[in-house]
N, C-alpha and C. Protein backbone atom coordinates (compact mmCIF):
# COMPACT_ATOMS: atom_id res chain seq x y z
N MET A 1 -7.18 30.58 -27.52
CA MET A 1 -8.15 30.68 -26.48
C MET A 1 -9.21 29.62 -26.70
N ARG A 2 -9.47 28.89 -25.69
CA ARG A 2 -10.45 27.81 -25.78
C ARG A 2 -11.78 28.27 -25.21
N TYR A 3 -12.83 27.89 -25.89
CA TYR A 3 -14.18 28.16 -25.41
C TYR A 3 -14.72 26.95 -24.70
N THR A 4 -15.08 27.15 -23.50
CA THR A 4 -15.70 26.07 -22.74
C THR A 4 -17.21 26.12 -22.95
N ARG A 5 -17.84 25.07 -22.54
CA ARG A 5 -19.30 25.00 -22.70
C ARG A 5 -19.98 26.11 -21.90
N THR A 6 -19.51 26.40 -20.72
CA THR A 6 -20.08 27.45 -19.87
C THR A 6 -19.90 28.82 -20.50
N ALA A 7 -18.71 29.08 -21.06
CA ALA A 7 -18.46 30.37 -21.70
C ALA A 7 -19.32 30.53 -22.94
N THR A 8 -19.51 29.47 -23.70
CA THR A 8 -20.35 29.51 -24.90
C THR A 8 -21.80 29.79 -24.53
N LEU A 9 -22.31 29.12 -23.50
CA LEU A 9 -23.69 29.35 -23.06
C LEU A 9 -23.88 30.78 -22.55
N ARG A 10 -22.90 31.27 -21.82
CA ARG A 10 -22.97 32.66 -21.33
C ARG A 10 -22.99 33.65 -22.49
N LEU A 11 -22.16 33.42 -23.49
CA LEU A 11 -22.12 34.27 -24.67
C LEU A 11 -23.44 34.21 -25.45
N LEU A 12 -23.98 33.01 -25.61
CA LEU A 12 -25.27 32.82 -26.29
C LEU A 12 -26.40 33.53 -25.53
N ARG A 13 -26.40 33.40 -24.22
CA ARG A 13 -27.43 34.04 -23.40
C ARG A 13 -27.32 35.56 -23.52
N THR A 14 -26.12 36.11 -23.54
CA THR A 14 -25.93 37.55 -23.69
C THR A 14 -26.48 38.04 -25.03
N PHE A 15 -26.19 37.31 -26.12
CA PHE A 15 -26.71 37.69 -27.44
C PHE A 15 -28.24 37.61 -27.49
N ILE A 16 -28.84 36.63 -26.87
CA ILE A 16 -30.30 36.49 -26.85
C ILE A 16 -30.93 37.65 -26.09
N VAL A 17 -30.36 38.01 -24.96
CA VAL A 17 -30.88 39.14 -24.18
C VAL A 17 -30.75 40.43 -24.97
N ILE A 18 -29.61 40.65 -25.61
CA ILE A 18 -29.43 41.85 -26.43
C ILE A 18 -30.42 41.87 -27.59
N PHE A 19 -30.65 40.72 -28.22
CA PHE A 19 -31.60 40.65 -29.33
C PHE A 19 -33.02 40.97 -28.86
N ILE A 20 -33.44 40.39 -27.74
CA ILE A 20 -34.79 40.64 -27.23
C ILE A 20 -34.96 42.12 -26.83
N LEU A 21 -33.98 42.68 -26.18
CA LEU A 21 -34.05 44.10 -25.84
C LEU A 21 -34.09 44.98 -27.08
N SER A 22 -33.35 44.62 -28.12
CA SER A 22 -33.36 45.38 -29.38
C SER A 22 -34.74 45.32 -30.03
N VAL A 23 -35.37 44.15 -30.01
CA VAL A 23 -36.72 44.02 -30.58
C VAL A 23 -37.71 44.87 -29.79
N ILE A 24 -37.62 44.88 -28.48
CA ILE A 24 -38.53 45.68 -27.65
C ILE A 24 -38.34 47.17 -27.93
N VAL A 25 -37.11 47.62 -28.01
CA VAL A 25 -36.83 49.03 -28.28
C VAL A 25 -37.32 49.41 -29.69
N ALA A 26 -37.08 48.56 -30.68
CA ALA A 26 -37.53 48.84 -32.05
C ALA A 26 -39.05 48.92 -32.11
N TYR A 27 -39.73 48.02 -31.43
CA TYR A 27 -41.19 48.05 -31.40
C TYR A 27 -41.70 49.32 -30.72
N ALA A 28 -41.09 49.72 -29.64
CA ALA A 28 -41.50 50.94 -28.94
C ALA A 28 -41.30 52.18 -29.82
N VAL A 29 -40.20 52.23 -30.53
CA VAL A 29 -39.95 53.36 -31.44
C VAL A 29 -40.97 53.36 -32.57
N TRP A 30 -41.27 52.21 -33.13
CA TRP A 30 -42.23 52.10 -34.21
C TRP A 30 -43.63 52.53 -33.76
N ARG A 31 -44.06 52.09 -32.57
CA ARG A 31 -45.39 52.45 -32.06
C ARG A 31 -45.48 53.92 -31.68
N SER A 32 -44.41 54.51 -31.23
CA SER A 32 -44.45 55.92 -30.82
C SER A 32 -44.21 56.87 -31.98
N SER A 33 -43.91 56.38 -33.16
CA SER A 33 -43.66 57.27 -34.29
C SER A 33 -44.89 58.07 -34.67
N ASN A 34 -46.11 57.55 -34.42
CA ASN A 34 -47.32 58.31 -34.69
C ASN A 34 -47.37 59.58 -33.84
N TYR A 35 -46.87 59.50 -32.62
CA TYR A 35 -46.89 60.66 -31.74
C TYR A 35 -45.87 61.70 -32.15
N THR A 36 -44.80 61.30 -32.74
CA THR A 36 -43.76 62.24 -33.13
C THR A 36 -44.05 62.92 -34.46
N ARG A 37 -44.88 62.32 -35.30
CA ARG A 37 -45.14 62.89 -36.62
C ARG A 37 -46.15 64.01 -36.61
N GLY A 38 -47.04 64.09 -35.65
CA GLY A 38 -48.04 65.15 -35.60
C GLY A 38 -49.22 64.87 -36.52
N PRO A 39 -50.17 65.81 -36.57
CA PRO A 39 -51.38 65.60 -37.36
C PRO A 39 -51.11 65.68 -38.86
N ALA A 40 -51.97 64.99 -39.64
CA ALA A 40 -51.84 65.00 -41.10
C ALA A 40 -53.23 65.15 -41.72
N ILE A 41 -53.30 65.91 -42.82
CA ILE A 41 -54.56 66.14 -43.54
C ILE A 41 -54.36 65.72 -44.99
N TYR A 42 -55.27 64.89 -45.49
CA TYR A 42 -55.28 64.50 -46.90
C TYR A 42 -56.65 64.88 -47.46
N VAL A 43 -56.68 65.71 -48.50
CA VAL A 43 -57.93 66.13 -49.12
C VAL A 43 -58.10 65.37 -50.44
N ALA A 44 -59.18 64.58 -50.54
CA ALA A 44 -59.45 63.81 -51.76
C ALA A 44 -60.09 64.70 -52.82
N THR A 45 -61.11 65.44 -52.45
CA THR A 45 -61.76 66.38 -53.37
C THR A 45 -62.12 67.63 -52.59
N PRO A 46 -62.03 68.77 -53.16
CA PRO A 46 -61.60 69.14 -54.50
C PRO A 46 -60.08 69.33 -54.55
N ALA A 47 -59.56 69.33 -55.74
CA ALA A 47 -58.14 69.59 -55.93
C ALA A 47 -57.90 71.09 -55.81
N ASP A 48 -56.70 71.46 -55.42
CA ASP A 48 -56.35 72.88 -55.31
C ASP A 48 -56.42 73.51 -56.71
N GLY A 49 -57.13 74.61 -56.82
CA GLY A 49 -57.29 75.29 -58.10
C GLY A 49 -58.46 74.78 -58.92
N ALA A 50 -59.31 73.94 -58.34
CA ALA A 50 -60.46 73.40 -59.05
C ALA A 50 -61.47 74.51 -59.35
N THR A 51 -62.23 74.32 -60.42
CA THR A 51 -63.27 75.26 -60.81
C THR A 51 -64.61 74.54 -60.77
N THR A 52 -65.62 75.24 -60.24
CA THR A 52 -66.95 74.65 -60.18
C THR A 52 -67.98 75.68 -60.62
N GLY A 53 -69.02 75.20 -61.27
CA GLY A 53 -70.13 76.05 -61.66
C GLY A 53 -71.30 75.90 -60.71
N SER A 54 -71.17 75.02 -59.76
CA SER A 54 -72.23 74.76 -58.80
C SER A 54 -72.16 75.76 -57.65
N SER A 55 -73.28 75.94 -56.95
CA SER A 55 -73.29 76.85 -55.81
C SER A 55 -72.86 76.14 -54.53
N THR A 56 -72.73 74.81 -54.57
CA THR A 56 -72.24 74.05 -53.41
C THR A 56 -71.09 73.15 -53.85
N LEU A 57 -70.30 72.76 -52.88
CA LEU A 57 -69.14 71.92 -53.15
C LEU A 57 -68.94 70.96 -51.98
N GLU A 58 -68.65 69.71 -52.30
CA GLU A 58 -68.39 68.70 -51.28
C GLU A 58 -66.89 68.57 -51.08
N ILE A 59 -66.47 68.69 -49.83
CA ILE A 59 -65.06 68.53 -49.47
C ILE A 59 -64.95 67.20 -48.73
N ARG A 60 -64.11 66.30 -49.28
CA ARG A 60 -63.90 64.99 -48.67
C ARG A 60 -62.42 64.74 -48.49
N GLY A 61 -62.10 64.00 -47.44
CA GLY A 61 -60.71 63.65 -47.21
C GLY A 61 -60.56 62.81 -45.96
N GLN A 62 -59.31 62.74 -45.51
CA GLN A 62 -59.01 61.92 -44.34
C GLN A 62 -57.92 62.61 -43.53
N VAL A 63 -58.00 62.43 -42.22
CA VAL A 63 -57.00 62.97 -41.31
C VAL A 63 -56.42 61.85 -40.46
N SER A 64 -55.21 62.08 -39.97
CA SER A 64 -54.55 61.11 -39.08
C SER A 64 -54.02 61.84 -37.86
N ARG A 65 -54.10 61.17 -36.73
CA ARG A 65 -53.55 61.68 -35.48
C ARG A 65 -54.12 63.06 -35.15
N VAL A 66 -55.45 63.21 -35.22
CA VAL A 66 -56.11 64.50 -35.04
C VAL A 66 -57.14 64.41 -33.93
N THR A 67 -57.19 65.46 -33.09
CA THR A 67 -58.24 65.53 -32.07
C THR A 67 -59.37 66.44 -32.50
N ASP A 68 -59.06 67.50 -33.27
CA ASP A 68 -60.13 68.35 -33.80
C ASP A 68 -59.72 68.90 -35.16
N LEU A 69 -60.74 69.16 -35.99
CA LEU A 69 -60.54 69.63 -37.37
C LEU A 69 -61.48 70.78 -37.62
N THR A 70 -60.97 71.85 -38.23
CA THR A 70 -61.81 73.00 -38.57
C THR A 70 -61.67 73.32 -40.05
N LEU A 71 -62.75 73.85 -40.61
CA LEU A 71 -62.77 74.34 -41.99
C LEU A 71 -63.15 75.81 -41.93
N ASN A 72 -62.21 76.68 -42.29
CA ASN A 72 -62.40 78.13 -42.18
C ASN A 72 -62.86 78.51 -40.77
N ASP A 73 -62.18 77.99 -39.76
CA ASP A 73 -62.42 78.25 -38.34
C ASP A 73 -63.77 77.73 -37.84
N ARG A 74 -64.39 76.82 -38.56
CA ARG A 74 -65.65 76.20 -38.15
C ARG A 74 -65.40 74.71 -37.95
N PRO A 75 -65.71 74.16 -36.77
CA PRO A 75 -65.43 72.73 -36.52
C PRO A 75 -66.22 71.83 -37.47
N ILE A 76 -65.58 70.78 -37.95
CA ILE A 76 -66.28 69.77 -38.75
C ILE A 76 -66.04 68.41 -38.11
N SER A 77 -66.96 67.50 -38.38
CA SER A 77 -66.90 66.18 -37.73
C SER A 77 -66.01 65.23 -38.52
N VAL A 78 -65.41 64.32 -37.77
CA VAL A 78 -64.52 63.30 -38.32
C VAL A 78 -64.98 61.96 -37.75
N ASP A 79 -65.10 60.93 -38.62
CA ASP A 79 -65.53 59.62 -38.11
C ASP A 79 -64.34 58.89 -37.48
N GLN A 80 -64.59 57.67 -36.99
CA GLN A 80 -63.55 56.92 -36.27
C GLN A 80 -62.37 56.53 -37.14
N GLN A 81 -62.58 56.42 -38.46
CA GLN A 81 -61.47 56.09 -39.36
C GLN A 81 -60.70 57.33 -39.82
N GLY A 82 -61.16 58.53 -39.41
CA GLY A 82 -60.49 59.76 -39.79
C GLY A 82 -61.05 60.41 -41.04
N ASN A 83 -62.17 59.92 -41.58
CA ASN A 83 -62.76 60.48 -42.78
C ASN A 83 -63.61 61.70 -42.43
N PHE A 84 -63.59 62.69 -43.31
CA PHE A 84 -64.48 63.83 -43.16
C PHE A 84 -65.16 64.12 -44.48
N ASP A 85 -66.34 64.73 -44.41
CA ASP A 85 -67.17 65.02 -45.58
C ASP A 85 -68.01 66.23 -45.24
N GLU A 86 -67.82 67.33 -45.95
CA GLU A 86 -68.51 68.57 -45.63
C GLU A 86 -68.96 69.24 -46.92
N ILE A 87 -70.13 69.85 -46.90
CA ILE A 87 -70.66 70.57 -48.06
C ILE A 87 -70.66 72.05 -47.70
N ILE A 88 -70.10 72.86 -48.61
CA ILE A 88 -70.02 74.30 -48.37
C ILE A 88 -70.63 75.05 -49.55
N ALA A 89 -70.96 76.30 -49.31
CA ALA A 89 -71.45 77.17 -50.37
C ALA A 89 -70.27 77.77 -51.11
N VAL A 90 -70.40 77.87 -52.44
CA VAL A 90 -69.35 78.43 -53.28
C VAL A 90 -69.86 79.71 -53.91
N LEU A 91 -69.09 80.77 -53.76
CA LEU A 91 -69.44 82.06 -54.34
C LEU A 91 -68.65 82.26 -55.63
N PRO A 92 -69.12 83.10 -56.54
CA PRO A 92 -68.34 83.39 -57.74
C PRO A 92 -67.00 84.01 -57.37
N GLY A 93 -65.96 83.60 -58.07
CA GLY A 93 -64.61 84.09 -57.79
C GLY A 93 -63.82 83.07 -56.99
N ILE A 94 -62.77 83.55 -56.34
CA ILE A 94 -61.89 82.67 -55.57
C ILE A 94 -62.49 82.42 -54.19
N ASN A 95 -62.57 81.15 -53.82
CA ASN A 95 -63.01 80.73 -52.49
C ASN A 95 -61.82 80.07 -51.82
N LYS A 96 -61.32 80.66 -50.73
CA LYS A 96 -60.18 80.09 -50.00
C LYS A 96 -60.72 79.19 -48.90
N LEU A 97 -60.29 77.94 -48.92
CA LEU A 97 -60.68 76.97 -47.90
C LEU A 97 -59.45 76.63 -47.08
N THR A 98 -59.56 76.75 -45.77
CA THR A 98 -58.44 76.44 -44.88
C THR A 98 -58.88 75.36 -43.91
N LEU A 99 -58.25 74.20 -44.00
CA LEU A 99 -58.47 73.10 -43.07
C LEU A 99 -57.34 73.14 -42.04
N ALA A 100 -57.70 73.18 -40.76
CA ALA A 100 -56.70 73.20 -39.69
C ALA A 100 -56.97 72.03 -38.75
N ALA A 101 -55.91 71.34 -38.36
CA ALA A 101 -56.03 70.18 -37.47
C ALA A 101 -55.07 70.32 -36.30
N HIS A 102 -55.52 69.84 -35.14
CA HIS A 102 -54.70 69.84 -33.92
C HIS A 102 -54.65 68.42 -33.39
N ASP A 103 -53.51 68.06 -32.78
CA ASP A 103 -53.41 66.75 -32.15
C ASP A 103 -53.45 66.89 -30.63
N GLN A 104 -53.34 65.79 -29.94
CA GLN A 104 -53.48 65.79 -28.48
C GLN A 104 -52.32 66.48 -27.77
N PHE A 105 -51.23 66.75 -28.47
CA PHE A 105 -50.08 67.41 -27.88
C PHE A 105 -50.02 68.90 -28.22
N GLY A 106 -51.06 69.42 -28.89
CA GLY A 106 -51.11 70.83 -29.24
C GLY A 106 -50.45 71.19 -30.55
N ARG A 107 -49.88 70.20 -31.24
CA ARG A 107 -49.28 70.50 -32.54
C ARG A 107 -50.39 70.70 -33.55
N GLN A 108 -50.11 71.50 -34.56
CA GLN A 108 -51.14 71.77 -35.56
C GLN A 108 -50.56 71.76 -36.96
N THR A 109 -51.45 71.58 -37.91
CA THR A 109 -51.09 71.67 -39.32
C THR A 109 -52.30 72.26 -40.04
N HIS A 110 -52.08 72.80 -41.22
CA HIS A 110 -53.20 73.32 -41.99
C HIS A 110 -52.98 73.05 -43.47
N ARG A 111 -54.05 73.08 -44.19
CA ARG A 111 -54.03 72.85 -45.64
C ARG A 111 -54.93 73.88 -46.27
N GLU A 112 -54.41 74.63 -47.24
CA GLU A 112 -55.19 75.66 -47.92
C GLU A 112 -55.49 75.22 -49.34
N ILE A 113 -56.74 75.43 -49.75
CA ILE A 113 -57.20 75.05 -51.08
C ILE A 113 -57.94 76.24 -51.67
N ASP A 114 -57.63 76.58 -52.91
CA ASP A 114 -58.37 77.62 -53.63
C ASP A 114 -59.33 76.95 -54.60
N VAL A 115 -60.60 77.35 -54.53
CA VAL A 115 -61.62 76.84 -55.44
C VAL A 115 -62.21 78.04 -56.16
N TYR A 116 -62.31 77.94 -57.47
CA TYR A 116 -62.83 79.04 -58.27
C TYR A 116 -64.28 78.77 -58.62
N GLY A 117 -65.14 79.66 -58.18
CA GLY A 117 -66.57 79.54 -58.48
C GLY A 117 -66.90 80.35 -59.72
N GLN A 118 -67.61 79.71 -60.64
CA GLN A 118 -68.03 80.40 -61.86
C GLN A 118 -69.48 80.81 -61.70
N GLN A 119 -69.81 81.96 -62.25
CA GLN A 119 -71.19 82.41 -62.20
C GLN A 119 -71.98 81.60 -63.22
N SER A 120 -73.08 81.03 -62.77
CA SER A 120 -73.89 80.20 -63.67
C SER A 120 -74.58 81.08 -64.70
N PRO A 121 -74.81 80.57 -65.94
CA PRO A 121 -75.41 81.36 -67.00
C PRO A 121 -76.81 81.85 -66.64
N SER A 122 -77.56 81.14 -65.83
CA SER A 122 -78.91 81.55 -65.50
C SER A 122 -78.94 82.75 -64.58
N SER A 123 -77.81 83.01 -63.88
CA SER A 123 -77.79 84.13 -62.95
C SER A 123 -77.12 85.36 -63.54
N THR A 124 -76.67 85.31 -64.80
CA THR A 124 -76.05 86.47 -65.42
C THR A 124 -77.12 87.47 -65.77
N ALA A 125 -76.78 88.71 -65.63
CA ALA A 125 -77.75 89.77 -65.91
C ALA A 125 -77.80 90.03 -67.40
N THR A 126 -78.99 90.10 -67.95
CA THR A 126 -79.18 90.46 -69.37
C THR A 126 -79.97 91.74 -69.40
N SER A 127 -79.55 92.63 -70.25
CA SER A 127 -80.30 93.88 -70.35
C SER A 127 -81.44 93.67 -71.34
N ALA A 128 -82.57 94.12 -70.95
CA ALA A 128 -83.76 93.93 -71.78
C ALA A 128 -84.35 95.28 -72.13
N ILE A 129 -84.80 95.38 -73.37
CA ILE A 129 -85.45 96.59 -73.84
C ILE A 129 -86.90 96.24 -74.14
N PRO A 130 -87.83 96.91 -73.50
CA PRO A 130 -89.24 96.59 -73.76
C PRO A 130 -89.64 97.01 -75.16
N GLU A 131 -90.38 96.15 -75.82
CA GLU A 131 -90.89 96.48 -77.14
C GLU A 131 -92.33 96.93 -77.00
N SER A 132 -92.86 97.39 -78.10
CA SER A 132 -94.21 97.93 -78.07
C SER A 132 -95.26 96.86 -77.79
N ASN A 133 -94.97 95.57 -78.12
CA ASN A 133 -95.96 94.52 -77.90
C ASN A 133 -95.90 93.94 -76.49
N GLY A 134 -95.06 94.48 -75.61
CA GLY A 134 -95.01 94.03 -74.23
C GLY A 134 -94.01 92.91 -73.96
N THR A 135 -93.30 92.42 -74.97
CA THR A 135 -92.30 91.39 -74.75
C THR A 135 -90.95 92.02 -74.58
N THR A 136 -90.01 91.26 -74.02
CA THR A 136 -88.65 91.77 -73.85
C THR A 136 -87.70 90.90 -74.65
N THR A 137 -86.66 91.50 -75.13
CA THR A 137 -85.63 90.76 -75.84
C THR A 137 -84.28 91.12 -75.23
N ALA A 138 -83.39 90.17 -75.24
CA ALA A 138 -82.05 90.39 -74.73
C ALA A 138 -81.23 91.05 -75.80
N THR A 139 -80.43 92.04 -75.40
CA THR A 139 -79.58 92.71 -76.36
C THR A 139 -78.23 92.04 -76.39
N GLY A 140 -77.58 92.12 -77.48
CA GLY A 140 -76.27 91.53 -77.62
C GLY A 140 -75.82 91.66 -79.04
N THR A 141 -74.65 91.17 -79.34
CA THR A 141 -74.13 91.23 -80.70
C THR A 141 -74.40 89.92 -81.39
N PRO A 142 -74.81 89.99 -82.67
CA PRO A 142 -75.11 88.75 -83.39
C PRO A 142 -73.89 87.94 -83.71
């Protein structure tokens, strides 16, 4: 079978059109992948299971593809780059933090973090026995 110049040009043109269409389709799939993945939450601090002796705690992180973000059902603000920074009160014991995010299509995701609050030594109760001179001393074992 002989290839003529016209047949070769037609074949070359067909391959170029297929290549250009393939590039357009690949680009469209790549750009729309953000819409198919849904919202994402990344928490930088604190780590799950962290312990703190402070009465407050700073929660920092970043979100992607999110229209609104809540922390324990309370809305928190997100900047244009997706960063968030919130300070919360920490009680002694386990503090459950739930971050929930929604995207523009109604999809949602959540991230749960447990933070353990320790009671500070200054707030621990000490039993005191009054002495005859009016001073108090803490009881305990030597």
